[in-house]
Structure formats: C-alpha cells, structure tokens
C-alpha cells in the first residue's frame, strides 16, 4: 500500500512539474522600443531637461526630455513644433500644431514671452494654444516668476492673442503605458 501511494505521489509530482515547465510560450528576440531608461535622478542634483506639452486624450500632458544644457523657450518651441517622437506617439501623445515652413521667433521679456509664428494665430485650436503657451512658459522662464505667472503673447499673420497663461485645466491625468501581461496556458 505504501509503495502504491509513493508511486501515485511520484506521478502527480511529475505531472505537476511537466505542466509548470512547459506552458507553450516560445522565447522571442529582444524588441527595442523608445529611448533607453535614464535612471533615477539623484536628490539635490538638477539635470537639464526640456518640458514639452503634447495633446493627450482629455487635454495636454507635460513630457520631459533630457537635454545637454538649459533650454531656452525658443529651442523648446522648435522641438514642440517638430511633434512627438516615436516613443511619445506610442503613448498616445500628439500635436495639434500645424506644420509650418516659415520662421518662428520666441522673445522672452521681463514677465512675458512672445511667440511669433508664420501663421494666423487666431485660427489655432484651444489645445494648440495651450501646447505653445505651456511649453514657452516652462522653458527659459524669466527670473523670479513661476511658469504659471508667465504671460505668453502669440502673434502671426498680423494678428495677436495676448496675455495667455498656462492653464492647468487642460492637464490630462498622467497615464503609464500599458504593460503586456503574461499569457497563461
């Protein structure tokens, strides 16, 4: 009787080990997507980055990108006008700013930033305006002001939309990209 119990227990353990070992998922090659991880920032050490605002379902979302040095408002707006990179697009980010071939000039002053575009700024969508205003206000901010206090004037095609502030009501909740789940046999 003991031998029979030991044999049954051995069979059950063997079947359990076989089912756990082979669930039918084949190994795959490494698939590279997006930029490599940047690591954790050390407390008290500031690393330069540019803050860009892209559209996201429900509003806009701030996207930090690493930079070599401090970024001016003009450099940031030029990066914004180029649109989201591939990794950002995969996260659902987009831009409502039209592609332009003309000259873009960003002029910071004591308490404001003027963004001059080669297009009629009154025809920009509310989301496109927020993208421009928040990006200009959060990069190369005039001294002593918080980004929320910086007034941004948009000009272009002989028209002007003055005194805009980065409006936080358009901020979309931050959403982490979905992680793939493991398939079970």
N, C-alpha and C. Protein backbone atom coordinates (compact mmCIF):
# COMPACT_ATOMS: atom_id res chain seq x y z
N UNK A 1 0.81 -1.17 0.00
CA UNK A 1 0.00 0.00 0.00
C UNK A 1 0.87 1.26 0.00
N UNK A 2 1.95 1.21 0.78
CA UNK A 2 2.86 2.32 0.83
C UNK A 2 3.52 2.55 -0.51
N UNK A 3 3.86 1.51 -1.17
CA UNK A 3 4.52 1.62 -2.47
C UNK A 3 3.55 2.24 -3.47
N UNK A 4 2.29 1.83 -3.42
CA UNK A 4 1.29 2.38 -4.34
C UNK A 4 1.12 3.88 -4.10
N UNK A 5 1.04 4.32 -2.83
CA UNK A 5 0.89 5.76 -2.51
C UNK A 5 2.11 6.53 -3.00
N UNK A 6 3.28 5.96 -2.81
CA UNK A 6 4.51 6.63 -3.25
C UNK A 6 4.53 6.75 -4.77
N UNK A 7 4.06 5.72 -5.46
CA UNK A 7 4.04 5.75 -6.93
C UNK A 7 3.04 6.80 -7.42
N UNK A 8 1.86 6.86 -6.81
CA UNK A 8 0.84 7.85 -7.21
C UNK A 8 1.36 9.27 -6.92
N UNK A 9 1.98 9.45 -5.76
CA UNK A 9 2.53 10.77 -5.42
C UNK A 9 3.62 11.17 -6.40
N UNK A 10 4.45 10.21 -6.80
CA UNK A 10 5.51 10.48 -7.78
C UNK A 10 4.93 10.87 -9.12
N UNK A 11 3.88 10.17 -9.55
CA UNK A 11 3.22 10.50 -10.81
C UNK A 11 2.60 11.90 -10.76
N UNK A 12 1.95 12.21 -9.67
CA UNK A 12 1.33 13.54 -9.52
C UNK A 12 2.39 14.64 -9.53
N UNK A 13 3.48 14.43 -8.85
CA UNK A 13 4.54 15.43 -8.83
C UNK A 13 5.17 15.59 -10.21
N UNK A 14 5.34 14.51 -10.92
CA UNK A 14 5.90 14.56 -12.27
C UNK A 14 4.97 15.30 -13.22
N UNK A 15 3.66 15.03 -13.13
CA UNK A 15 2.69 15.73 -13.99
C UNK A 15 2.65 17.22 -13.66
N UNK A 16 2.70 17.55 -12.39
CA UNK A 16 2.70 18.96 -11.98
C UNK A 16 3.95 19.67 -12.47
N UNK A 17 5.11 19.04 -12.35
CA UNK A 17 6.36 19.66 -12.82
C UNK A 17 6.34 19.84 -14.33
N UNK A 18 5.81 18.88 -15.05
CA UNK A 18 5.75 18.99 -16.51
C UNK A 18 4.81 20.11 -16.93
N UNK A 19 3.69 20.25 -16.23
CA UNK A 19 2.75 21.32 -16.62
C UNK A 19 3.30 22.70 -16.30
N UNK A 20 4.07 22.81 -15.24
CA UNK A 20 4.65 24.11 -14.89
C UNK A 20 5.83 24.45 -15.80
N UNK A 21 6.56 23.49 -16.24
CA UNK A 21 7.76 23.73 -17.04
C UNK A 21 7.46 24.14 -18.47
N UNK A 22 6.45 23.61 -19.07
CA UNK A 22 6.20 23.90 -20.48
C UNK A 22 4.81 24.44 -20.71
N UNK A 23 4.66 25.73 -20.75
CA UNK A 23 3.32 26.29 -20.98
C UNK A 23 3.13 26.66 -22.44
N UNK A 24 4.06 26.31 -23.31
CA UNK A 24 3.87 26.51 -24.73
C UNK A 24 4.27 27.88 -25.26
N UNK A 25 4.87 28.73 -24.47
CA UNK A 25 5.29 30.05 -24.95
C UNK A 25 6.74 29.95 -25.40
N UNK A 26 6.96 30.31 -26.64
CA UNK A 26 8.31 30.25 -27.21
C UNK A 26 9.07 31.52 -26.86
N UNK A 27 10.39 31.43 -26.67
CA UNK A 27 11.18 32.64 -26.42
C UNK A 27 11.23 33.51 -27.67
N UNK A 28 11.34 34.84 -27.48
CA UNK A 28 11.40 35.77 -28.61
C UNK A 28 12.67 36.59 -28.54
N UNK A 29 12.97 37.25 -29.64
CA UNK A 29 14.13 38.14 -29.69
C UNK A 29 13.82 39.42 -28.91
N UNK A 30 14.85 40.19 -28.58
CA UNK A 30 14.67 41.47 -27.92
C UNK A 30 14.09 42.46 -28.92
N UNK A 31 13.04 43.17 -28.51
CA UNK A 31 12.42 44.19 -29.35
C UNK A 31 12.71 45.54 -28.72
N UNK A 32 13.46 46.39 -29.42
CA UNK A 32 13.80 47.70 -28.88
C UNK A 32 12.71 48.70 -29.24
N UNK A 33 12.20 49.40 -28.22
CA UNK A 33 11.18 50.41 -28.42
C UNK A 33 11.52 51.61 -27.55
N UNK A 34 11.53 52.80 -28.14
CA UNK A 34 11.73 54.02 -27.37
C UNK A 34 13.16 54.25 -26.95
N UNK A 35 13.32 55.26 -26.11
CA UNK A 35 14.64 55.63 -25.63
C UNK A 35 15.02 54.76 -24.44
N UNK A 36 16.33 54.58 -24.21
CA UNK A 36 16.74 53.78 -23.07
C UNK A 36 16.39 54.50 -21.76
N UNK A 37 16.28 53.73 -20.72
CA UNK A 37 15.97 54.29 -19.40
C UNK A 37 17.06 55.28 -19.00
N UNK A 38 16.64 56.35 -18.35
CA UNK A 38 17.58 57.39 -17.96
C UNK A 38 18.07 57.22 -16.53
N UNK A 39 17.44 56.37 -15.77
CA UNK A 39 17.86 56.16 -14.40
C UNK A 39 17.15 57.09 -13.44
N UNK A 40 17.42 56.92 -12.18
CA UNK A 40 16.79 57.72 -11.14
C UNK A 40 17.63 58.97 -10.91
N UNK A 41 16.94 60.11 -10.78
CA UNK A 41 17.65 61.35 -10.51
C UNK A 41 18.13 61.36 -9.07
N UNK A 42 19.33 61.86 -8.87
CA UNK A 42 19.86 61.95 -7.52
C UNK A 42 19.27 63.17 -6.82
N UNK A 43 18.87 63.03 -5.58
CA UNK A 43 18.30 64.17 -4.86
C UNK A 43 19.31 65.32 -4.79
N UNK A 44 18.84 66.53 -5.03
CA UNK A 44 19.69 67.70 -4.95
C UNK A 44 20.49 68.00 -6.20
N UNK A 45 20.48 67.08 -7.17
CA UNK A 45 21.23 67.29 -8.41
C UNK A 45 20.22 67.54 -9.53
N UNK A 46 20.31 68.71 -10.13
CA UNK A 46 19.40 69.01 -11.22
C UNK A 46 20.03 68.61 -12.54
N UNK A 47 19.25 67.94 -13.35
CA UNK A 47 19.71 67.57 -14.68
C UNK A 47 18.88 68.37 -15.67
N UNK A 48 19.53 68.95 -16.67
CA UNK A 48 18.76 69.76 -17.62
C UNK A 48 17.78 68.92 -18.42
N UNK A 49 16.60 69.48 -18.60
CA UNK A 49 15.60 68.84 -19.43
C UNK A 49 14.70 69.90 -20.04
N UNK A 50 14.04 69.53 -21.10
CA UNK A 50 13.09 70.41 -21.76
C UNK A 50 11.70 69.86 -21.45
N UNK A 51 10.76 70.76 -21.18
CA UNK A 51 9.39 70.34 -20.89
C UNK A 51 8.51 70.72 -22.07
N UNK A 52 7.98 69.71 -22.74
CA UNK A 52 7.12 69.91 -23.90
C UNK A 52 5.70 69.50 -23.54
N UNK A 53 4.73 70.17 -24.13
CA UNK A 53 3.33 69.85 -23.87
C UNK A 53 2.69 69.34 -25.15
N UNK A 54 2.23 68.08 -25.09
CA UNK A 54 1.58 67.46 -26.23
C UNK A 54 0.14 67.11 -25.88
N UNK A 55 -0.68 66.97 -26.92
CA UNK A 55 -2.06 66.56 -26.72
C UNK A 55 -2.12 65.12 -26.27
N UNK A 56 -3.11 64.86 -25.44
CA UNK A 56 -3.37 63.53 -24.93
C UNK A 56 -4.87 63.47 -24.72
N UNK A 57 -5.52 62.34 -24.94
CA UNK A 57 -6.97 62.31 -24.73
C UNK A 57 -7.36 62.91 -23.39
N UNK A 58 -8.14 63.96 -23.44
CA UNK A 58 -8.57 64.63 -22.22
C UNK A 58 -7.83 65.92 -21.94
N UNK A 59 -6.86 66.32 -22.76
CA UNK A 59 -6.14 67.57 -22.52
C UNK A 59 -4.73 67.54 -23.06
N UNK A 60 -3.81 68.12 -22.28
CA UNK A 60 -2.40 68.10 -22.65
C UNK A 60 -1.62 67.42 -21.54
N UNK A 61 -0.45 66.94 -21.90
CA UNK A 61 0.40 66.29 -20.91
C UNK A 61 1.83 66.79 -21.09
N UNK A 62 2.46 67.14 -19.97
CA UNK A 62 3.85 67.58 -20.00
C UNK A 62 4.74 66.36 -20.20
N UNK A 63 5.70 66.51 -21.12
CA UNK A 63 6.64 65.43 -21.42
C UNK A 63 8.05 65.97 -21.23
N UNK A 64 8.78 65.47 -20.23
CA UNK A 64 10.16 65.91 -20.08
C UNK A 64 11.08 65.13 -21.02
N UNK A 65 12.01 65.83 -21.63
CA UNK A 65 13.04 65.18 -22.44
C UNK A 65 14.38 65.63 -21.91
N UNK A 66 15.36 64.72 -21.82
CA UNK A 66 16.68 65.11 -21.34
C UNK A 66 17.32 66.09 -22.32
N UNK A 67 18.13 67.00 -21.78
CA UNK A 67 18.83 67.99 -22.60
C UNK A 67 20.28 68.06 -22.17
N UNK A 68 21.12 68.56 -23.06
CA UNK A 68 22.55 68.71 -22.75
C UNK A 68 22.79 69.86 -21.78
N UNK A 69 22.01 70.94 -21.92
CA UNK A 69 22.16 72.13 -21.09
C UNK A 69 20.78 72.76 -20.94
N UNK A 70 20.71 73.87 -20.22
CA UNK A 70 19.44 74.59 -20.06
C UNK A 70 18.88 74.93 -21.44
N UNK A 71 17.57 74.83 -21.58
CA UNK A 71 16.91 75.03 -22.86
C UNK A 71 16.15 76.35 -22.84
N UNK A 72 16.31 77.14 -23.90
CA UNK A 72 15.58 78.40 -24.00
C UNK A 72 14.15 78.12 -24.44
N UNK A 73 13.29 79.12 -24.28
CA UNK A 73 11.90 78.99 -24.72
C UNK A 73 11.85 78.76 -26.22
N UNK A 74 12.71 79.41 -26.99
CA UNK A 74 12.69 79.24 -28.44
C UNK A 74 13.10 77.82 -28.84
N UNK A 75 14.13 77.29 -28.21
CA UNK A 75 14.55 75.92 -28.51
C UNK A 75 13.42 74.93 -28.17
N UNK A 76 12.74 75.17 -27.04
CA UNK A 76 11.65 74.29 -26.63
C UNK A 76 10.49 74.35 -27.62
N UNK A 77 10.12 75.55 -28.07
CA UNK A 77 9.01 75.68 -29.02
C UNK A 77 9.37 75.04 -30.36
N UNK A 78 10.63 75.15 -30.77
CA UNK A 78 11.05 74.49 -32.01
C UNK A 78 10.92 72.96 -31.89
N UNK A 79 11.30 72.41 -30.74
CA UNK A 79 11.15 70.97 -30.51
C UNK A 79 9.65 70.59 -30.50
N UNK A 80 8.84 71.44 -29.89
CA UNK A 80 7.40 71.20 -29.86
C UNK A 80 6.82 71.17 -31.27
N UNK A 81 7.24 72.11 -32.10
CA UNK A 81 6.72 72.19 -33.47
C UNK A 81 7.09 70.96 -34.28
N UNK A 82 8.18 70.27 -33.92
CA UNK A 82 8.58 69.05 -34.62
C UNK A 82 7.66 67.88 -34.27
N UNK A 83 6.90 68.01 -33.20
CA UNK A 83 5.95 66.97 -32.81
C UNK A 83 6.55 65.92 -31.90
N UNK A 84 5.71 65.00 -31.45
CA UNK A 84 6.20 63.95 -30.54
C UNK A 84 7.10 62.95 -31.28
N UNK A 85 8.05 62.39 -30.54
CA UNK A 85 8.90 61.36 -31.14
C UNK A 85 8.13 60.03 -31.16
N UNK A 86 8.73 59.00 -31.69
CA UNK A 86 8.03 57.72 -31.85
C UNK A 86 7.56 57.13 -30.52
N UNK A 87 8.41 57.18 -29.50
CA UNK A 87 8.03 56.63 -28.20
C UNK A 87 6.85 57.41 -27.62
N UNK A 88 6.83 58.73 -27.80
CA UNK A 88 5.72 59.54 -27.31
C UNK A 88 4.44 59.25 -28.08
N UNK A 89 4.56 59.04 -29.39
CA UNK A 89 3.39 58.69 -30.20
C UNK A 89 2.80 57.36 -29.74
N UNK A 90 3.67 56.43 -29.39
CA UNK A 90 3.20 55.12 -28.92
C UNK A 90 2.44 55.24 -27.61
N UNK A 91 2.72 56.27 -26.84
CA UNK A 91 1.99 56.51 -25.58
C UNK A 91 0.69 57.28 -25.82
N UNK A 92 0.39 57.59 -27.08
CA UNK A 92 -0.87 58.27 -27.38
C UNK A 92 -0.77 59.78 -27.45
N UNK A 93 0.44 60.32 -27.41
CA UNK A 93 0.62 61.77 -27.46
C UNK A 93 0.61 62.25 -28.91
N UNK A 94 0.10 63.46 -29.13
CA UNK A 94 0.02 64.03 -30.47
C UNK A 94 0.13 65.55 -30.37
N UNK A 95 0.20 66.21 -31.51
CA UNK A 95 0.26 67.67 -31.54
C UNK A 95 -0.84 68.20 -32.45
N UNK A 96 -1.48 69.28 -32.02
CA UNK A 96 -2.47 69.95 -32.86
C UNK A 96 -1.87 71.15 -33.57
N UNK A 97 -0.57 71.34 -33.44
CA UNK A 97 0.09 72.46 -34.11
C UNK A 97 0.33 72.11 -35.58
N UNK A 98 0.00 73.05 -36.47
CA UNK A 98 0.23 72.77 -37.90
C UNK A 98 1.72 72.83 -38.22
N UNK A 99 2.12 72.07 -39.22
CA UNK A 99 3.50 72.13 -39.71
C UNK A 99 3.66 73.45 -40.45
N UNK A 100 4.70 74.18 -40.14
CA UNK A 100 4.95 75.46 -40.82
C UNK A 100 6.34 75.45 -41.42
N UNK A 101 6.49 76.16 -42.50
CA UNK A 101 7.79 76.24 -43.13
C UNK A 101 8.46 77.58 -42.91
N UNK A 102 7.76 78.48 -42.25
CA UNK A 102 8.30 79.82 -42.06
C UNK A 102 9.12 79.96 -40.80
N UNK A 103 9.51 81.18 -40.53
CA UNK A 103 10.37 81.48 -39.39
C UNK A 103 9.56 81.61 -38.10
N UNK A 104 10.09 81.03 -37.06
CA UNK A 104 9.50 81.08 -35.74
C UNK A 104 10.44 81.86 -34.84
N UNK A 105 9.91 82.83 -34.09
CA UNK A 105 10.75 83.63 -33.20
C UNK A 105 10.10 83.66 -31.82
N UNK A 106 10.87 83.36 -30.81
CA UNK A 106 10.38 83.42 -29.43
C UNK A 106 11.23 84.45 -28.70
N UNK A 107 10.55 85.48 -28.14
CA UNK A 107 11.24 86.57 -27.49
C UNK A 107 10.83 86.65 -26.02
N UNK A 108 11.74 86.30 -25.10
CA UNK A 108 11.41 86.45 -23.68
C UNK A 108 11.62 87.90 -23.23
N UNK A 109 10.78 88.35 -22.33
CA UNK A 109 10.91 89.68 -21.72
C UNK A 109 10.88 89.49 -20.21
N UNK A 110 10.72 90.59 -19.47
CA UNK A 110 10.78 90.51 -18.01
C UNK A 110 9.68 89.63 -17.43
N UNK A 111 8.44 89.77 -17.87
CA UNK A 111 7.35 89.00 -17.29
C UNK A 111 6.51 88.27 -18.33
N UNK A 112 7.00 88.20 -19.56
CA UNK A 112 6.23 87.57 -20.63
C UNK A 112 7.14 87.00 -21.70
N UNK A 113 6.55 86.18 -22.54
CA UNK A 113 7.25 85.59 -23.68
C UNK A 113 6.36 85.82 -24.89
N UNK A 114 6.94 86.27 -25.99
CA UNK A 114 6.19 86.44 -27.23
C UNK A 114 6.62 85.37 -28.22
N UNK A 115 5.64 84.65 -28.74
CA UNK A 115 5.89 83.60 -29.73
C UNK A 115 5.31 84.10 -31.05
N UNK A 116 6.19 84.33 -32.02
CA UNK A 116 5.78 84.80 -33.34
C UNK A 116 5.85 83.65 -34.32
N UNK A 117 4.72 83.35 -34.94
CA UNK A 117 4.61 82.21 -35.86
C UNK A 117 4.26 82.70 -37.26
N UNK A 118 4.61 81.93 -38.28
CA UNK A 118 4.28 82.30 -39.65
C UNK A 118 2.87 81.84 -40.05
N UNK A 119 1.89 82.05 -39.17
CA UNK A 119 0.52 81.65 -39.46
C UNK A 119 -0.45 82.50 -38.64
N UNK A 120 -1.71 82.44 -38.97
CA UNK A 120 -2.74 83.19 -38.27
C UNK A 120 -2.99 82.51 -36.92
N UNK A 121 -2.52 83.13 -35.84
CA UNK A 121 -2.61 82.51 -34.51
C UNK A 121 -4.04 82.47 -33.98
N UNK A 122 -4.93 83.28 -34.54
CA UNK A 122 -6.33 83.25 -34.08
C UNK A 122 -7.03 81.98 -34.56
N UNK A 123 -6.44 81.29 -35.51
CA UNK A 123 -7.06 80.07 -36.04
C UNK A 123 -6.55 78.80 -35.36
N UNK A 124 -5.64 78.94 -34.41
CA UNK A 124 -5.14 77.78 -33.67
C UNK A 124 -6.24 77.24 -32.75
N UNK A 125 -6.31 75.93 -32.61
CA UNK A 125 -7.28 75.33 -31.69
C UNK A 125 -6.89 75.66 -30.25
N UNK A 126 -7.84 75.60 -29.32
CA UNK A 126 -7.50 75.85 -27.91
C UNK A 126 -6.38 74.94 -27.41
N UNK A 127 -6.39 73.67 -27.83
CA UNK A 127 -5.34 72.75 -27.40
C UNK A 127 -3.99 73.15 -27.95
N UNK A 128 -3.93 73.58 -29.23
CA UNK A 128 -2.67 74.02 -29.83
C UNK A 128 -2.13 75.25 -29.09
N UNK A 129 -3.01 76.16 -28.72
CA UNK A 129 -2.59 77.33 -27.95
C UNK A 129 -1.99 76.93 -26.61
N UNK A 130 -2.66 75.99 -25.92
CA UNK A 130 -2.15 75.54 -24.62
C UNK A 130 -0.79 74.88 -24.80
N UNK A 131 -0.62 74.08 -25.86
CA UNK A 131 0.68 73.46 -26.11
C UNK A 131 1.77 74.52 -26.22
N UNK A 132 1.54 75.56 -27.01
CA UNK A 132 2.53 76.62 -27.21
C UNK A 132 2.77 77.40 -25.93
N UNK A 133 1.70 77.82 -25.28
CA UNK A 133 1.81 78.68 -24.09
C UNK A 133 2.53 77.95 -22.97
N UNK A 134 2.14 76.72 -22.68
CA UNK A 134 2.77 75.99 -21.57
C UNK A 134 4.22 75.64 -21.87
N UNK A 135 4.53 75.28 -23.11
CA UNK A 135 5.91 74.97 -23.47
C UNK A 135 6.77 76.23 -23.36
N UNK A 136 6.29 77.36 -23.86
CA UNK A 136 7.06 78.62 -23.79
C UNK A 136 7.24 79.08 -22.35
N UNK A 137 6.21 78.92 -21.52
CA UNK A 137 6.26 79.39 -20.13
C UNK A 137 7.12 78.52 -19.23
N UNK A 138 7.29 77.25 -19.56
CA UNK A 138 8.03 76.33 -18.69
C UNK A 138 9.49 76.15 -19.08
N UNK A 139 9.96 76.84 -20.08
CA UNK A 139 11.35 76.70 -20.52
C UNK A 139 11.96 78.08 -20.68
N UNK A 140 13.08 78.31 -20.02
CA UNK A 140 13.71 79.63 -20.09
C UNK A 140 12.85 80.71 -19.47
N UNK A 141 12.23 80.39 -18.34
CA UNK A 141 11.32 81.31 -17.66
C UNK A 141 12.09 82.54 -17.15
N UNK A 142 11.51 83.75 -17.35
CA UNK A 142 12.16 84.94 -16.80
C UNK A 142 12.36 84.78 -15.29
N UNK A 143 13.45 85.32 -14.79
CA UNK A 143 13.82 85.13 -13.38
C UNK A 143 12.75 85.64 -12.43
N UNK A 144 12.57 84.90 -11.33
CA UNK A 144 11.68 85.32 -10.27
C UNK A 144 10.22 84.96 -10.51
N UNK A 145 9.88 84.39 -11.63
CA UNK A 145 8.49 84.03 -11.91
C UNK A 145 8.32 82.52 -11.96
N UNK A 146 7.18 82.08 -11.47
CA UNK A 146 6.81 80.68 -11.66
C UNK A 146 6.23 80.56 -13.06
N UNK A 147 6.32 79.41 -13.69
CA UNK A 147 5.79 79.25 -15.05
C UNK A 147 4.31 79.65 -15.17
N UNK A 148 3.53 79.43 -14.12
CA UNK A 148 2.11 79.77 -14.15
C UNK A 148 1.87 81.28 -14.17
N UNK A 149 2.90 82.07 -13.86
CA UNK A 149 2.77 83.53 -13.83
C UNK A 149 3.26 84.19 -15.12
N UNK A 150 3.90 83.43 -15.98
CA UNK A 150 4.47 84.00 -17.21
C UNK A 150 3.34 84.18 -18.24
N UNK A 151 3.18 85.39 -18.71
CA UNK A 151 2.18 85.68 -19.76
C UNK A 151 2.84 85.44 -21.12
N UNK A 152 2.08 84.80 -22.01
CA UNK A 152 2.59 84.48 -23.33
C UNK A 152 1.70 85.16 -24.37
N UNK A 153 2.34 85.90 -25.29
CA UNK A 153 1.65 86.54 -26.41
C UNK A 153 1.93 85.72 -27.66
N UNK A 154 0.88 85.36 -28.37
CA UNK A 154 1.03 84.66 -29.65
C UNK A 154 0.76 85.66 -30.76
N UNK A 155 1.68 85.77 -31.71
CA UNK A 155 1.50 86.68 -32.84
C UNK A 155 1.78 85.95 -34.14
N UNK A 156 1.12 86.40 -35.19
CA UNK A 156 1.36 85.82 -36.51
C UNK A 156 0.32 86.28 -37.51
N UNK A 157 0.73 86.48 -38.76
CA UNK A 157 -0.14 86.90 -39.85
C UNK A 157 -0.86 88.21 -39.52
N UNK A 158 -0.14 89.10 -38.81
CA UNK A 158 -0.72 90.40 -38.47
C UNK A 158 -1.74 90.36 -37.35
N UNK A 159 -1.88 89.22 -36.67
CA UNK A 159 -2.86 89.09 -35.57
C UNK A 159 -2.14 88.74 -34.29
N UNK A 160 -2.82 89.01 -33.16
CA UNK A 160 -2.20 88.78 -31.85
C UNK A 160 -3.23 88.24 -30.87
N UNK A 161 -2.80 87.25 -30.10
CA UNK A 161 -3.58 86.73 -28.98
C UNK A 161 -2.70 86.96 -27.75
N UNK A 162 -2.99 88.05 -26.97
CA UNK A 162 -2.08 88.44 -25.89
C UNK A 162 -2.43 87.86 -24.52
N UNK A 163 -1.42 87.88 -23.65
CA UNK A 163 -1.59 87.63 -22.22
C UNK A 163 -2.09 86.27 -21.81
N UNK A 164 -1.73 85.22 -22.52
CA UNK A 164 -2.19 83.87 -22.18
C UNK A 164 -1.34 83.28 -21.06
N UNK A 165 -1.99 82.52 -20.19
CA UNK A 165 -1.29 81.81 -19.12
C UNK A 165 -1.43 80.31 -19.34
N UNK A 166 -0.47 79.57 -18.83
CA UNK A 166 -0.53 78.10 -18.93
C UNK A 166 -1.70 77.64 -18.05
N UNK A 167 -2.75 77.21 -18.68
CA UNK A 167 -3.99 76.85 -18.00
C UNK A 167 -3.97 75.38 -17.61
N UNK A 168 -3.93 75.12 -16.32
CA UNK A 168 -3.83 73.75 -15.82
C UNK A 168 -5.13 72.96 -16.01
N UNK A 169 -6.23 73.62 -16.39
CA UNK A 169 -7.47 72.86 -16.59
C UNK A 169 -7.38 71.92 -17.78
N UNK A 170 -6.40 72.13 -18.65
CA UNK A 170 -6.22 71.27 -19.80
C UNK A 170 -5.29 70.10 -19.51
N UNK A 171 -4.71 70.03 -18.32
CA UNK A 171 -3.80 68.94 -18.00
C UNK A 171 -4.54 67.61 -17.96
N UNK A 172 -4.05 66.67 -18.73
CA UNK A 172 -4.62 65.31 -18.73
C UNK A 172 -3.95 64.54 -17.61
N UNK A 173 -4.66 63.61 -16.99
CA UNK A 173 -4.01 62.81 -15.96
C UNK A 173 -2.89 61.98 -16.56
N UNK A 174 -1.81 61.87 -15.82
CA UNK A 174 -0.67 61.08 -16.29
C UNK A 174 -1.06 59.62 -16.30
N UNK A 175 -0.79 58.96 -17.39
CA UNK A 175 -1.13 57.55 -17.53
C UNK A 175 0.12 56.81 -17.96
N UNK A 176 0.46 55.79 -17.20
CA UNK A 176 1.62 54.98 -17.57
C UNK A 176 1.23 54.10 -18.74
N UNK A 177 2.18 53.85 -19.65
CA UNK A 177 1.85 52.97 -20.77
C UNK A 177 1.48 51.58 -20.26
N UNK A 178 0.57 50.93 -20.92
CA UNK A 178 0.12 49.60 -20.53
C UNK A 178 1.28 48.62 -20.67
N UNK A 179 1.42 47.78 -19.70
CA UNK A 179 2.46 46.76 -19.73
C UNK A 179 1.84 45.47 -20.24
N UNK A 180 2.54 44.74 -21.08
CA UNK A 180 1.99 43.47 -21.57
C UNK A 180 1.83 42.49 -20.41
N UNK A 181 0.79 41.70 -20.49
CA UNK A 181 0.56 40.70 -19.44
C UNK A 181 1.01 39.35 -19.95
N UNK A 182 1.38 38.51 -19.04
CA UNK A 182 1.84 37.17 -19.39
C UNK A 182 0.66 36.30 -19.79
N UNK A 183 0.83 35.53 -20.82
CA UNK A 183 -0.21 34.58 -21.22
C UNK A 183 -0.07 33.32 -20.41
N UNK A 184 -1.19 32.78 -20.01
CA UNK A 184 -1.14 31.51 -19.27
C UNK A 184 -1.65 30.41 -20.17
N UNK A 185 -1.13 29.22 -20.00
CA UNK A 185 -1.52 28.13 -20.89
C UNK A 185 -2.97 27.71 -20.68
